[in-house]
N, C-alpha and C. Protein backbone atom coordinates (compact mmCIF):
# COMPACT_ATOMS: atom_id res chain seq x y z
N UNK A 1 102.21 98.89 118.32
CA UNK A 1 102.66 98.76 116.97
C UNK A 1 103.87 97.84 116.99
N UNK A 2 103.79 96.83 116.18
CA UNK A 2 104.87 95.84 116.16
C UNK A 2 105.64 95.88 114.84
N UNK A 3 106.95 96.08 114.96
CA UNK A 3 107.84 95.94 113.83
C UNK A 3 108.42 94.54 113.85
N UNK A 4 109.45 94.32 113.06
CA UNK A 4 110.06 92.99 113.00
C UNK A 4 111.24 92.90 113.95
N UNK A 5 112.29 93.63 113.63
CA UNK A 5 113.58 93.58 114.33
C UNK A 5 114.28 94.90 114.01
N UNK A 6 114.91 95.55 114.96
CA UNK A 6 115.55 96.84 114.65
C UNK A 6 116.58 96.71 113.53
N UNK A 7 116.59 97.70 112.64
CA UNK A 7 117.59 97.75 111.58
C UNK A 7 118.93 98.24 112.12
N UNK A 8 119.93 98.20 111.24
CA UNK A 8 121.29 98.56 111.65
C UNK A 8 121.35 99.99 112.21
N UNK A 9 120.70 100.94 111.54
CA UNK A 9 120.74 102.33 112.00
C UNK A 9 120.02 102.50 113.33
N UNK A 10 118.90 101.79 113.50
CA UNK A 10 118.18 101.85 114.78
C UNK A 10 119.02 101.28 115.90
N UNK A 11 119.71 100.19 115.63
CA UNK A 11 120.58 99.60 116.65
C UNK A 11 121.74 100.55 116.98
N UNK A 12 122.31 101.15 115.94
CA UNK A 12 123.44 102.06 116.16
C UNK A 12 123.02 103.26 117.02
N UNK A 13 121.85 103.81 116.73
CA UNK A 13 121.38 104.99 117.47
C UNK A 13 120.58 104.64 118.73
N UNK A 14 120.21 103.36 118.87
CA UNK A 14 119.35 102.93 119.98
C UNK A 14 118.03 103.70 119.96
N UNK A 15 117.42 103.75 118.76
CA UNK A 15 116.15 104.44 118.56
C UNK A 15 115.28 103.62 117.60
N UNK A 16 113.99 103.59 117.88
CA UNK A 16 113.07 102.96 116.94
C UNK A 16 113.01 103.79 115.66
N UNK A 17 113.02 103.10 114.53
CA UNK A 17 112.83 103.72 113.21
C UNK A 17 113.78 104.89 112.99
N UNK A 18 115.07 104.63 113.21
CA UNK A 18 116.07 105.69 113.14
C UNK A 18 116.57 105.99 111.73
N UNK A 19 116.36 105.09 110.79
CA UNK A 19 116.84 105.35 109.43
C UNK A 19 116.14 106.60 108.90
N UNK A 20 116.88 107.55 108.36
CA UNK A 20 116.27 108.81 107.94
C UNK A 20 115.22 108.66 106.83
N UNK A 21 115.25 107.57 106.07
CA UNK A 21 114.24 107.38 105.02
C UNK A 21 113.08 106.49 105.48
N UNK A 22 113.12 106.01 106.71
CA UNK A 22 111.98 105.24 107.21
C UNK A 22 110.83 106.21 107.43
N UNK A 23 109.66 105.84 106.99
CA UNK A 23 108.49 106.73 107.04
C UNK A 23 107.66 106.57 108.31
N UNK A 24 108.11 105.78 109.26
CA UNK A 24 107.30 105.53 110.45
C UNK A 24 106.90 106.83 111.16
N UNK A 25 107.88 107.66 111.49
CA UNK A 25 107.56 108.86 112.26
C UNK A 25 106.69 109.84 111.47
N UNK A 26 106.98 110.10 110.20
CA UNK A 26 106.06 110.98 109.45
C UNK A 26 104.64 110.41 109.37
N UNK A 27 104.51 109.11 109.28
CA UNK A 27 103.17 108.51 109.20
C UNK A 27 102.45 108.63 110.53
N UNK A 28 103.09 108.25 111.63
CA UNK A 28 102.43 108.29 112.93
C UNK A 28 102.03 109.73 113.27
N UNK A 29 102.90 110.66 113.04
CA UNK A 29 102.55 112.06 113.30
C UNK A 29 101.48 112.53 112.31
N UNK A 30 101.56 112.06 111.08
CA UNK A 30 100.57 112.42 110.07
C UNK A 30 99.17 111.97 110.43
N UNK A 31 99.06 110.87 111.18
CA UNK A 31 97.75 110.40 111.63
C UNK A 31 97.05 111.44 112.50
N UNK A 32 97.84 112.29 113.13
CA UNK A 32 97.32 113.33 114.01
C UNK A 32 97.49 114.73 113.39
N UNK A 33 97.83 114.76 112.09
CA UNK A 33 98.05 116.01 111.37
C UNK A 33 99.12 116.87 112.04
N UNK A 34 100.17 116.22 112.48
CA UNK A 34 101.29 116.93 113.12
C UNK A 34 102.59 116.56 112.43
N UNK A 35 103.64 117.30 112.71
CA UNK A 35 104.96 117.07 112.14
C UNK A 35 105.87 116.55 113.24
N UNK A 36 106.65 115.49 112.95
CA UNK A 36 107.54 114.96 114.00
C UNK A 36 108.59 115.97 114.43
N UNK A 37 108.83 116.05 115.72
CA UNK A 37 109.92 116.90 116.18
C UNK A 37 111.25 116.26 115.79
N UNK A 38 112.31 117.04 115.69
CA UNK A 38 113.60 116.46 115.30
C UNK A 38 114.22 115.58 116.37
N UNK A 39 113.82 115.76 117.62
CA UNK A 39 114.45 115.01 118.71
C UNK A 39 113.67 113.72 119.02
N UNK A 40 114.43 112.67 119.27
CA UNK A 40 113.84 111.36 119.56
C UNK A 40 113.01 111.37 120.85
N UNK A 41 113.47 111.97 121.95
CA UNK A 41 112.63 112.00 123.15
C UNK A 41 111.27 112.64 122.90
N UNK A 42 111.22 113.67 122.07
CA UNK A 42 109.95 114.30 121.73
C UNK A 42 109.03 113.36 120.99
N UNK A 43 109.60 112.54 120.13
CA UNK A 43 108.81 111.55 119.38
C UNK A 43 108.26 110.48 120.32
N UNK A 44 109.10 110.01 121.23
CA UNK A 44 108.64 109.01 122.19
C UNK A 44 107.55 109.57 123.10
N UNK A 45 107.72 110.79 123.54
CA UNK A 45 106.71 111.43 124.38
C UNK A 45 105.38 111.51 123.64
N UNK A 46 105.42 111.85 122.38
CA UNK A 46 104.21 111.97 121.56
C UNK A 46 103.44 110.64 121.52
N UNK A 47 104.15 109.54 121.19
CA UNK A 47 103.43 108.26 121.10
C UNK A 47 102.97 107.79 122.47
N UNK A 48 103.77 108.03 123.49
CA UNK A 48 103.38 107.62 124.84
C UNK A 48 102.11 108.34 125.29
N UNK A 49 102.03 109.64 125.04
CA UNK A 49 100.84 110.40 125.43
C UNK A 49 99.59 109.92 124.70
N UNK A 50 99.76 109.28 123.58
CA UNK A 50 98.62 108.78 122.81
C UNK A 50 98.37 107.29 123.03
N UNK A 51 99.06 106.71 123.98
CA UNK A 51 98.83 105.31 124.32
C UNK A 51 99.34 104.33 123.29
N UNK A 52 100.35 104.73 122.55
CA UNK A 52 100.93 103.87 121.52
C UNK A 52 102.19 103.23 122.07
N UNK A 53 102.23 101.91 122.02
CA UNK A 53 103.41 101.17 122.43
C UNK A 53 104.16 100.70 121.19
N UNK A 54 105.48 100.74 121.25
CA UNK A 54 106.32 100.30 120.14
C UNK A 54 107.15 99.11 120.60
N UNK A 55 107.14 98.07 119.79
CA UNK A 55 107.97 96.91 120.09
C UNK A 55 108.19 96.15 118.81
N UNK A 56 109.02 95.12 118.88
CA UNK A 56 109.28 94.27 117.73
C UNK A 56 108.86 92.85 118.03
N UNK A 57 108.46 92.13 117.01
CA UNK A 57 108.08 90.73 117.18
C UNK A 57 109.31 89.93 117.57
N UNK A 58 110.45 90.23 116.97
CA UNK A 58 111.67 89.45 117.17
C UNK A 58 112.58 90.13 118.19
N UNK A 59 113.01 89.35 119.18
CA UNK A 59 113.97 89.83 120.17
C UNK A 59 115.39 89.65 119.65
N UNK A 60 115.65 88.48 119.06
CA UNK A 60 116.97 88.13 118.56
C UNK A 60 116.78 87.33 117.28
N UNK A 61 117.59 87.63 116.30
CA UNK A 61 117.52 86.88 115.05
C UNK A 61 118.70 87.18 114.17
N UNK A 62 118.83 86.41 113.11
CA UNK A 62 119.89 86.64 112.13
C UNK A 62 119.26 87.22 110.87
N UNK A 63 120.00 88.11 110.22
CA UNK A 63 119.56 88.62 108.92
C UNK A 63 120.72 89.30 108.24
N UNK A 64 120.56 89.49 106.94
CA UNK A 64 121.56 90.17 106.15
C UNK A 64 121.24 91.66 106.18
N UNK A 65 122.19 92.45 106.65
CA UNK A 65 122.02 93.90 106.79
C UNK A 65 120.71 94.17 107.53
N UNK A 66 119.84 94.98 106.96
CA UNK A 66 118.56 95.31 107.61
C UNK A 66 117.38 94.71 106.86
N UNK A 67 117.62 93.72 106.03
CA UNK A 67 116.58 93.15 105.18
C UNK A 67 115.67 92.20 105.96
N UNK A 68 114.43 92.61 106.19
CA UNK A 68 113.47 91.78 106.92
C UNK A 68 113.24 90.44 106.25
N UNK A 69 113.32 90.40 104.93
CA UNK A 69 113.06 89.16 104.19
C UNK A 69 114.08 88.08 104.51
N UNK A 70 115.22 88.45 105.10
CA UNK A 70 116.26 87.47 105.40
C UNK A 70 116.29 87.06 106.87
N UNK A 71 115.33 87.50 107.66
CA UNK A 71 115.33 87.14 109.08
C UNK A 71 115.19 85.63 109.23
N UNK A 72 116.06 85.06 110.06
CA UNK A 72 116.01 83.61 110.33
C UNK A 72 116.47 83.38 111.76
N UNK A 73 116.27 82.16 112.22
CA UNK A 73 116.69 81.74 113.56
C UNK A 73 116.21 82.74 114.61
N UNK A 74 114.98 83.23 114.43
CA UNK A 74 114.49 84.28 115.31
C UNK A 74 113.96 83.72 116.63
N UNK A 75 114.14 84.52 117.65
CA UNK A 75 113.55 84.26 118.96
C UNK A 75 112.61 85.43 119.22
N UNK A 76 111.33 85.14 119.44
CA UNK A 76 110.38 86.25 119.59
C UNK A 76 110.47 86.93 120.95
N UNK A 77 110.05 88.18 120.97
CA UNK A 77 109.85 88.87 122.23
C UNK A 77 108.67 88.24 122.95
N UNK A 78 108.51 88.53 124.22
CA UNK A 78 107.44 87.95 125.04
C UNK A 78 106.15 88.75 124.88
N UNK A 79 105.62 88.75 123.68
CA UNK A 79 104.41 89.53 123.40
C UNK A 79 103.22 88.99 124.18
N UNK A 80 103.15 87.68 124.35
CA UNK A 80 102.06 87.10 125.13
C UNK A 80 102.09 87.62 126.57
N UNK A 81 103.27 87.74 127.14
CA UNK A 81 103.41 88.28 128.50
C UNK A 81 102.99 89.75 128.52
N UNK A 82 103.40 90.50 127.51
CA UNK A 82 103.01 91.91 127.41
C UNK A 82 101.48 92.03 127.40
N UNK A 83 100.83 91.22 126.60
CA UNK A 83 99.37 91.29 126.49
C UNK A 83 98.68 90.89 127.79
N UNK A 84 99.24 89.94 128.50
CA UNK A 84 98.68 89.54 129.80
C UNK A 84 98.92 90.61 130.86
N UNK A 85 100.06 91.29 130.78
CA UNK A 85 100.40 92.32 131.75
C UNK A 85 99.59 93.59 131.53
N UNK A 86 99.27 93.87 130.28
CA UNK A 86 98.52 95.09 129.93
C UNK A 86 97.23 94.71 129.21
N UNK A 87 96.23 94.28 129.96
CA UNK A 87 94.98 93.81 129.34
C UNK A 87 94.17 94.92 128.66
N UNK A 88 94.58 96.17 128.83
CA UNK A 88 93.87 97.26 128.16
C UNK A 88 94.30 97.43 126.70
N UNK A 89 95.33 96.70 126.28
CA UNK A 89 95.72 96.75 124.86
C UNK A 89 94.57 96.18 124.05
N UNK A 90 94.14 96.95 123.06
CA UNK A 90 93.00 96.54 122.23
C UNK A 90 93.36 96.25 120.79
N UNK A 91 94.49 96.80 120.34
CA UNK A 91 94.84 96.74 118.93
C UNK A 91 96.31 96.40 118.77
N UNK A 92 96.59 95.57 117.78
CA UNK A 92 97.97 95.35 117.36
C UNK A 92 98.04 95.74 115.89
N UNK A 93 98.96 96.65 115.60
CA UNK A 93 99.20 97.09 114.23
C UNK A 93 100.57 96.58 113.81
N UNK A 94 100.59 95.84 112.72
CA UNK A 94 101.86 95.30 112.21
C UNK A 94 102.46 96.26 111.20
N UNK A 95 103.70 96.64 111.42
CA UNK A 95 104.41 97.49 110.48
C UNK A 95 105.05 96.58 109.42
N UNK A 96 104.23 96.18 108.46
CA UNK A 96 104.70 95.34 107.36
C UNK A 96 104.26 93.90 107.48
N UNK A 97 104.28 93.23 106.35
CA UNK A 97 103.80 91.84 106.29
C UNK A 97 104.74 90.88 107.00
N UNK A 98 106.02 91.19 107.06
CA UNK A 98 106.94 90.29 107.76
C UNK A 98 106.66 90.29 109.25
N UNK A 99 106.35 91.43 109.82
CA UNK A 99 105.99 91.49 111.25
C UNK A 99 104.75 90.63 111.50
N UNK A 100 103.76 90.74 110.63
CA UNK A 100 102.54 89.95 110.77
C UNK A 100 102.85 88.46 110.65
N UNK A 101 103.62 88.10 109.66
CA UNK A 101 103.94 86.68 109.43
C UNK A 101 104.71 86.09 110.62
N UNK A 102 105.69 86.83 111.14
CA UNK A 102 106.46 86.33 112.28
C UNK A 102 105.60 86.24 113.54
N UNK A 103 104.72 87.21 113.74
CA UNK A 103 103.80 87.14 114.87
C UNK A 103 102.95 85.88 114.77
N UNK A 104 102.37 85.64 113.61
CA UNK A 104 101.51 84.47 113.43
C UNK A 104 102.29 83.16 113.54
N UNK A 105 103.57 83.19 113.25
CA UNK A 105 104.40 81.98 113.40
C UNK A 105 104.61 81.63 114.88
N UNK A 106 104.70 82.66 115.72
CA UNK A 106 105.07 82.44 117.12
C UNK A 106 103.95 82.60 118.13
N UNK A 107 102.84 83.21 117.73
CA UNK A 107 101.77 83.50 118.69
C UNK A 107 100.40 83.18 118.10
N UNK A 108 99.49 82.84 119.01
CA UNK A 108 98.09 82.68 118.64
C UNK A 108 97.44 84.06 118.67
N UNK A 109 96.55 84.29 117.73
CA UNK A 109 95.80 85.55 117.74
C UNK A 109 94.83 85.52 118.92
N UNK A 110 94.64 86.67 119.54
CA UNK A 110 93.76 86.81 120.70
C UNK A 110 92.43 87.34 120.18
N UNK A 111 91.36 86.64 120.50
CA UNK A 111 90.04 86.99 119.96
C UNK A 111 89.58 88.39 120.34
N UNK A 112 90.01 88.88 121.48
CA UNK A 112 89.54 90.19 121.94
C UNK A 112 90.33 91.36 121.35
N UNK A 113 91.36 91.05 120.56
CA UNK A 113 92.18 92.11 119.96
C UNK A 113 91.80 92.31 118.50
N UNK A 114 92.02 93.53 118.04
CA UNK A 114 91.86 93.84 116.62
C UNK A 114 93.27 93.94 116.03
N UNK A 115 93.45 93.33 114.88
CA UNK A 115 94.76 93.31 114.22
C UNK A 115 94.69 94.07 112.90
N UNK A 116 95.73 94.88 112.64
CA UNK A 116 95.84 95.61 111.39
C UNK A 116 97.17 95.29 110.74
N UNK A 117 97.14 94.81 109.53
CA UNK A 117 98.35 94.58 108.74
C UNK A 117 98.55 95.79 107.84
N UNK A 118 99.59 96.55 108.11
CA UNK A 118 99.82 97.81 107.42
C UNK A 118 101.08 97.72 106.56
N UNK A 119 101.16 98.55 105.52
CA UNK A 119 102.37 98.51 104.70
C UNK A 119 103.59 98.96 105.50
N UNK A 120 104.70 98.32 105.21
CA UNK A 120 105.94 98.62 105.91
C UNK A 120 106.37 100.06 105.66
N UNK A 121 106.89 100.69 106.70
CA UNK A 121 107.42 102.04 106.58
C UNK A 121 108.90 102.05 106.19
N UNK A 122 109.48 100.88 106.04
CA UNK A 122 110.89 100.75 105.73
C UNK A 122 111.23 101.33 104.36
N UNK A 123 112.42 101.92 104.24
CA UNK A 123 112.84 102.41 102.92
C UNK A 123 113.02 101.28 101.91
N UNK A 124 113.14 100.05 102.39
CA UNK A 124 113.25 98.91 101.47
C UNK A 124 111.92 98.64 100.76
N UNK A 125 110.84 99.18 101.29
CA UNK A 125 109.51 99.00 100.70
C UNK A 125 109.02 100.34 100.17
N UNK A 126 109.75 100.87 99.22
CA UNK A 126 109.47 102.21 98.72
C UNK A 126 108.53 102.23 97.52
N UNK A 127 107.94 101.09 97.16
CA UNK A 127 107.04 101.08 96.00
C UNK A 127 105.80 101.92 96.24
N UNK A 128 105.42 102.09 97.52
CA UNK A 128 104.29 102.96 97.85
C UNK A 128 104.83 104.29 98.38
N UNK A 129 104.33 105.41 97.85
CA UNK A 129 104.78 106.70 98.37
C UNK A 129 104.19 106.98 99.76
N UNK A 130 104.74 107.97 100.42
CA UNK A 130 104.27 108.36 101.75
C UNK A 130 102.77 108.59 101.77
N UNK A 131 102.24 109.29 100.78
CA UNK A 131 100.81 109.60 100.78
C UNK A 131 99.94 108.34 100.78
N UNK A 132 100.35 107.33 100.03
CA UNK A 132 99.58 106.08 99.97
C UNK A 132 99.72 105.29 101.26
N UNK A 133 100.93 105.25 101.81
CA UNK A 133 101.12 104.54 103.08
C UNK A 133 100.31 105.22 104.18
N UNK A 134 100.35 106.55 104.23
CA UNK A 134 99.58 107.28 105.23
C UNK A 134 98.09 107.00 105.06
N UNK A 135 97.63 106.94 103.85
CA UNK A 135 96.22 106.64 103.59
C UNK A 135 95.85 105.26 104.16
N UNK A 136 96.70 104.27 103.95
CA UNK A 136 96.42 102.93 104.48
C UNK A 136 96.56 102.87 105.99
N UNK A 137 97.53 103.57 106.54
CA UNK A 137 97.71 103.61 107.99
C UNK A 137 96.58 104.38 108.68
N UNK A 138 95.87 105.21 107.94
CA UNK A 138 94.80 106.03 108.52
C UNK A 138 93.66 105.21 109.09
N UNK A 139 93.62 103.93 108.80
CA UNK A 139 92.62 103.06 109.41
C UNK A 139 92.78 103.06 110.93
N UNK A 140 93.97 103.41 111.41
CA UNK A 140 94.25 103.47 112.85
C UNK A 140 93.74 104.75 113.51
N UNK A 141 93.51 105.78 112.73
CA UNK A 141 93.17 107.09 113.29
C UNK A 141 92.01 107.03 114.28
N UNK A 142 90.87 106.39 113.96
CA UNK A 142 89.76 106.36 114.93
C UNK A 142 90.14 105.66 116.24
N UNK A 143 90.95 104.62 116.14
CA UNK A 143 91.36 103.90 117.34
C UNK A 143 92.27 104.76 118.20
N UNK A 144 93.21 105.44 117.56
CA UNK A 144 94.20 106.24 118.28
C UNK A 144 93.65 107.54 118.84
N UNK A 145 92.62 108.05 118.21
CA UNK A 145 92.04 109.32 118.66
C UNK A 145 90.84 109.11 119.57
N UNK A 146 90.42 107.85 119.77
CA UNK A 146 89.28 107.56 120.61
C UNK A 146 87.95 107.77 119.91
N UNK A 147 88.00 107.95 118.60
CA UNK A 147 86.77 108.15 117.83
C UNK A 147 86.14 106.85 117.36
N UNK A 148 86.82 105.74 117.62
CA UNK A 148 86.30 104.48 117.09
C UNK A 148 86.39 103.36 118.06
C-alpha cells in the first residue's frame, strides 16, 4: 500500500498514519472485520502477518503542512528496486489519487501487477464517510485474504 509522504503527526510519532482522524487503520482492520489495537506495534504486526507492506511514493519533498496537494520538488522512494527485490508483490494499492499520480509521474506501471486507486484515508479528504471508504477499499479483501 502506497501513500504519498508522511504527514506532520506521522513524522512526529514515527508511525504510519498516526493522525487520530486518519481512517487508514480502521479501514485496513475493517477489511478483516477486526478492530485496530491501540498500540502501533500491534497494528504493524497485523499488516505484516497478512503480507501487507506500507510505504510512500515520495522519500523527500516539500509541502505546506500535511497537504498532499502541495507536494513539490519530490524525490521518489526506490519502488522499482522494492519490486525487483520482492517479485512476489502482486498488487499496489494507492492511498489516494495523489499517491497514484506521483507514482505514475516517476515509475512505469508493471504489466504483471494489479493496481488499485483507492480514496484517501486522510482527514483532509473527509467528503466520504468511513463506511463509503471501507466499501471502496473492500475491493482489496479477496486479494488480502487469498480468496481472489
